[in-house]
């Protein structure tokens, strides 16, 4: 069961390999064996299957921290667009204001763009492009995709961000510092780091969309 799940999930994720998924699955299987109570009914296989699969999927999502936030933003955008269309068709009720909904659509679209930029920033730091030469053929496409993402993101950083914003991007995404730690390194308050980060994301979300 664990092997089958690892093989089926691995092609759909790029940050975790099949072996790592299998290891995560075996750990989850052990936890299931400790928690399973046959007196509650249902087979152990059914009980474990959903939990093992869930552990693998959760691990793949954690490998790209911005992915879940981006997914929520996309769903919010779709729902808001649907509401706006209903209002324009006269189905929204007397209290609906199309202008407010249009503003909300724009705000959520900006959130989608910025969280997408975060996902790309995180992804661009996960693989050294110089290591591609030694990559296994089965992983070559993913490695090349990573290299392209890295090149695209770095180009946008160089083109659109100021030096102070580039320092923030390097500190948060390359050196894995918290905003407080980066503020101490740069000699500025955490709120300043946050503002520079927000401005960098705003520029990169636009730049990456246009690229």
Protein backbone atom coordinates (compact mmCIF):
# COMPACT_ATOMS: atom_id res chain seq x y z
CA UNK A 1 0.00 0.00 0.00
CA UNK A 2 2.77 2.44 0.94
CA UNK A 3 4.75 1.66 -2.21
CA UNK A 4 1.68 2.06 -4.40
CA UNK A 5 0.78 5.42 -2.84
CA UNK A 6 4.34 6.71 -3.14
CA UNK A 7 4.47 5.75 -6.83
CA UNK A 8 1.10 7.38 -7.56
CA UNK A 9 1.82 10.63 -5.70
CA UNK A 10 5.48 11.17 -6.70
CA UNK A 11 4.78 12.18 -10.35
CA UNK A 12 2.43 14.93 -9.14
CA UNK A 13 4.93 16.62 -6.82
CA UNK A 14 8.36 17.99 -7.69
CA UNK A 15 9.94 18.72 -4.31
CA UNK A 16 9.77 15.26 -2.73
CA UNK A 17 11.04 12.08 -4.34
CA UNK A 18 9.39 8.67 -4.27
CA UNK A 19 11.84 7.29 -1.70
CA UNK A 20 11.15 10.14 0.71
CA UNK A 21 7.40 9.72 0.23
CA UNK A 22 7.79 6.02 0.94
CA UNK A 23 9.68 6.79 4.16
CA UNK A 24 6.97 9.24 5.23
CA UNK A 25 4.36 6.60 4.44
CA UNK A 26 6.05 3.93 6.56
CA UNK A 27 6.26 6.33 9.51
CA UNK A 28 2.57 7.10 9.13
CA UNK A 29 1.83 3.37 8.90
CA UNK A 30 3.56 2.79 12.24
CA UNK A 31 1.47 5.52 13.84
CA UNK A 32 -1.65 3.95 12.38
CA UNK A 33 -0.74 0.57 13.87
CA UNK A 34 -0.50 2.22 17.28
CA UNK A 35 -3.86 3.99 16.98
CA UNK A 36 -5.98 1.40 15.20
CA UNK A 37 -8.78 -0.08 17.29
CA UNK A 38 -10.49 -3.05 15.60
CA UNK A 39 -13.43 -2.78 17.98
CA UNK A 40 -14.46 0.44 16.24
CA UNK A 41 -15.07 -1.47 13.01
CA UNK A 42 -13.44 -1.21 9.61
CA UNK A 43 -10.31 -2.90 8.32
CA UNK A 44 -6.83 -1.72 9.22
CA UNK A 45 -6.06 -1.21 5.53
CA UNK A 46 -8.96 1.21 5.11
CA UNK A 47 -8.04 2.98 8.35
CA UNK A 48 -4.41 3.36 7.32
CA UNK A 49 -4.86 4.14 3.65
CA UNK A 50 -6.35 7.61 4.11
CA UNK A 51 -3.90 8.54 6.86
CA UNK A 52 -0.82 7.38 4.98
CA UNK A 53 -1.92 9.16 1.81
CA UNK A 54 -2.71 12.30 3.82
CA UNK A 55 0.74 12.26 5.44
CA UNK A 56 2.41 12.09 2.03
CA UNK A 57 0.31 14.91 0.60
CA UNK A 58 0.86 17.10 3.66
CA UNK A 59 4.61 16.58 3.37
CA UNK A 60 4.57 17.56 -0.32
CA UNK A 61 2.61 20.71 0.52
CA UNK A 62 5.03 21.66 3.27
CA UNK A 63 7.85 21.40 0.74
CA UNK A 64 6.37 24.45 -1.01
CA UNK A 65 5.21 26.70 1.87
CA UNK A 66 3.25 29.18 -0.24
CA UNK A 67 1.23 26.60 -2.14
CA UNK A 68 -1.69 26.24 0.27
CA UNK A 69 -2.03 30.02 0.65
CA UNK A 70 -2.02 30.40 -3.12
CA UNK A 71 -4.70 27.73 -3.48
CA UNK A 72 -6.93 29.48 -0.93
CA UNK A 73 -6.43 32.78 -2.73
CA UNK A 74 -7.36 31.23 -6.07
CA UNK A 75 -10.54 29.78 -4.59
CA UNK A 76 -11.42 33.14 -3.07
CA UNK A 77 -10.84 34.82 -6.42
CA UNK A 78 -13.08 32.32 -8.23
CA UNK A 79 -15.86 32.75 -5.65
CA UNK A 80 -15.61 36.54 -5.79
CA UNK A 81 -15.70 36.57 -9.58
CA UNK A 82 -18.80 34.38 -9.49
CA UNK A 83 -20.51 36.78 -7.06
CA UNK A 84 -19.59 39.73 -9.27
CA UNK A 85 -21.10 38.05 -12.32
CA UNK A 86 -24.30 37.35 -10.37
CA UNK A 87 -24.55 40.99 -9.35
CA UNK A 88 -24.06 42.12 -12.94
CA UNK A 89 -26.87 39.77 -14.00
CA UNK A 90 -29.10 41.28 -11.32
CA UNK A 91 -29.06 38.18 -9.09
CA UNK A 92 -27.10 39.57 -6.17
CA UNK A 93 -29.87 41.20 -4.18
CA UNK A 94 -30.40 44.85 -3.27
CA UNK A 95 -27.44 45.04 -0.87
CA UNK A 96 -24.74 44.02 -3.35
CA UNK A 97 -22.46 46.75 -4.64
CA UNK A 98 -20.64 45.84 -7.88
CA UNK A 99 -17.94 48.43 -7.25
CA UNK A 100 -17.03 46.90 -3.90
CA UNK A 101 -16.97 43.45 -5.45
CA UNK A 102 -14.74 44.65 -8.28
CA UNK A 103 -12.36 46.06 -5.70
CA UNK A 104 -12.37 42.75 -3.86
CA UNK A 105 -11.62 40.86 -7.07
CA UNK A 106 -8.66 43.15 -7.71
CA UNK A 107 -7.37 42.71 -4.15
CA UNK A 108 -7.63 38.92 -4.26
CA UNK A 109 -6.03 38.82 -7.72
CA UNK A 110 -3.10 40.77 -6.28
CA UNK A 111 -2.88 38.28 -3.41
CA UNK A 112 -2.78 35.41 -5.90
CA UNK A 113 0.01 37.13 -7.82
CA UNK A 114 2.05 37.82 -4.69
CA UNK A 115 1.66 34.34 -3.20
CA UNK A 116 2.61 32.89 -6.59
CA UNK A 117 5.77 35.01 -6.40
CA UNK A 118 6.46 33.53 -2.95
CA UNK A 119 6.06 29.99 -4.30
CA UNK A 120 8.46 30.77 -7.15
CA UNK A 121 10.96 32.38 -4.77
CA UNK A 122 10.92 29.31 -2.53
CA UNK A 123 11.12 26.96 -5.52
CA UNK A 124 14.04 28.85 -7.01
CA UNK A 125 16.17 28.11 -3.96
CA UNK A 126 15.64 24.35 -3.85
CA UNK A 127 18.11 23.11 -6.45
CA UNK A 128 21.59 24.14 -7.45
CA UNK A 129 21.60 24.45 -11.27
CA UNK A 130 25.21 23.26 -11.36
CA UNK A 131 24.06 19.90 -10.00
CA UNK A 132 21.90 19.17 -13.05
CA UNK A 133 24.74 17.41 -14.85
CA UNK A 134 24.68 14.66 -12.23
CA UNK A 135 20.92 14.34 -12.11
CA UNK A 136 19.30 10.96 -12.70
CA UNK A 137 17.53 10.86 -16.10
CA UNK A 138 14.14 10.28 -14.45
CA UNK A 139 14.53 13.54 -12.52
CA UNK A 140 16.07 15.58 -15.33
CA UNK A 141 12.88 17.34 -16.44
CA UNK A 142 12.16 18.53 -12.90
CA UNK A 143 15.77 19.68 -12.49
CA UNK A 144 15.63 21.65 -15.72
CA UNK A 145 12.31 23.19 -14.70
CA UNK A 146 13.85 24.23 -11.39
CA UNK A 147 16.76 25.84 -13.20
CA UNK A 148 14.40 27.77 -15.46
CA UNK A 149 12.39 28.98 -12.48
CA UNK A 150 15.56 30.04 -10.71
CA UNK A 151 16.81 31.95 -13.76
CA UNK A 152 13.45 33.64 -14.28
CA UNK A 153 13.11 34.64 -10.63
CA UNK A 154 16.68 35.91 -10.37
CA UNK A 155 16.21 37.95 -13.52
CA UNK A 156 13.08 39.56 -12.08
CA UNK A 157 14.84 40.29 -8.77
CA UNK A 158 17.75 41.97 -10.55
CA UNK A 159 15.48 43.96 -12.84
CA UNK A 160 12.69 45.13 -10.54
CA UNK A 161 14.04 45.22 -6.97
CA UNK A 162 16.24 47.79 -5.28
CA UNK A 163 19.40 46.68 -3.49
CA UNK A 164 17.69 46.89 -0.08
CA UNK A 165 14.83 44.75 -1.38
CA UNK A 166 17.28 42.24 -2.83
CA UNK A 167 18.95 42.01 0.60
CA UNK A 168 15.59 41.14 2.11
CA UNK A 169 14.87 38.51 -0.54
CA UNK A 170 18.31 36.91 -0.06
CA UNK A 171 17.98 36.92 3.72
CA UNK A 172 14.48 35.43 3.82
CA UNK A 173 14.68 32.94 0.94
CA UNK A 174 18.36 32.03 0.61
CA UNK A 175 19.58 32.34 4.21
CA UNK A 176 16.24 31.22 5.70
CA UNK A 177 16.22 33.99 8.33
CA UNK A 178 13.12 35.22 10.11
CA UNK A 179 12.16 38.86 9.63
CA UNK A 180 13.37 39.63 13.16
CA UNK A 181 16.73 37.94 12.53
CA UNK A 182 17.13 39.71 9.21
CA UNK A 183 16.25 43.04 10.83
CA UNK A 184 19.06 42.53 13.35
CA UNK A 185 21.51 41.68 10.57
CA UNK A 186 20.56 44.78 8.56
CA UNK A 187 20.24 47.06 11.58
CA UNK A 188 16.60 47.91 10.91
CA UNK A 189 13.30 47.16 12.63
CA UNK A 190 11.30 44.06 11.73
CA UNK A 191 8.54 46.31 10.34
CA UNK A 192 11.03 47.79 7.86
CA UNK A 193 11.94 44.30 6.67
CA UNK A 194 8.25 43.52 6.31
CA UNK A 195 7.63 46.65 4.24
CA UNK A 196 10.59 45.95 1.96
CA UNK A 197 9.44 42.35 1.57
CA UNK A 198 5.91 43.46 0.66
CA UNK A 199 7.26 45.94 -1.88
CA UNK A 200 9.57 43.31 -3.37
CA UNK A 201 6.64 40.89 -3.71
CA UNK A 202 4.51 43.57 -5.33
CA UNK A 203 7.22 44.26 -7.91
CA UNK A 204 8.04 40.59 -8.48
CA UNK A 205 4.39 39.54 -8.85
CA UNK A 206 4.06 42.09 -11.64
CA UNK A 207 7.46 41.33 -13.17
CA UNK A 208 6.99 37.54 -13.15
CA UNK A 209 3.56 37.93 -14.74
CA UNK A 210 4.99 40.06 -17.53
CA UNK A 211 8.07 37.88 -18.05
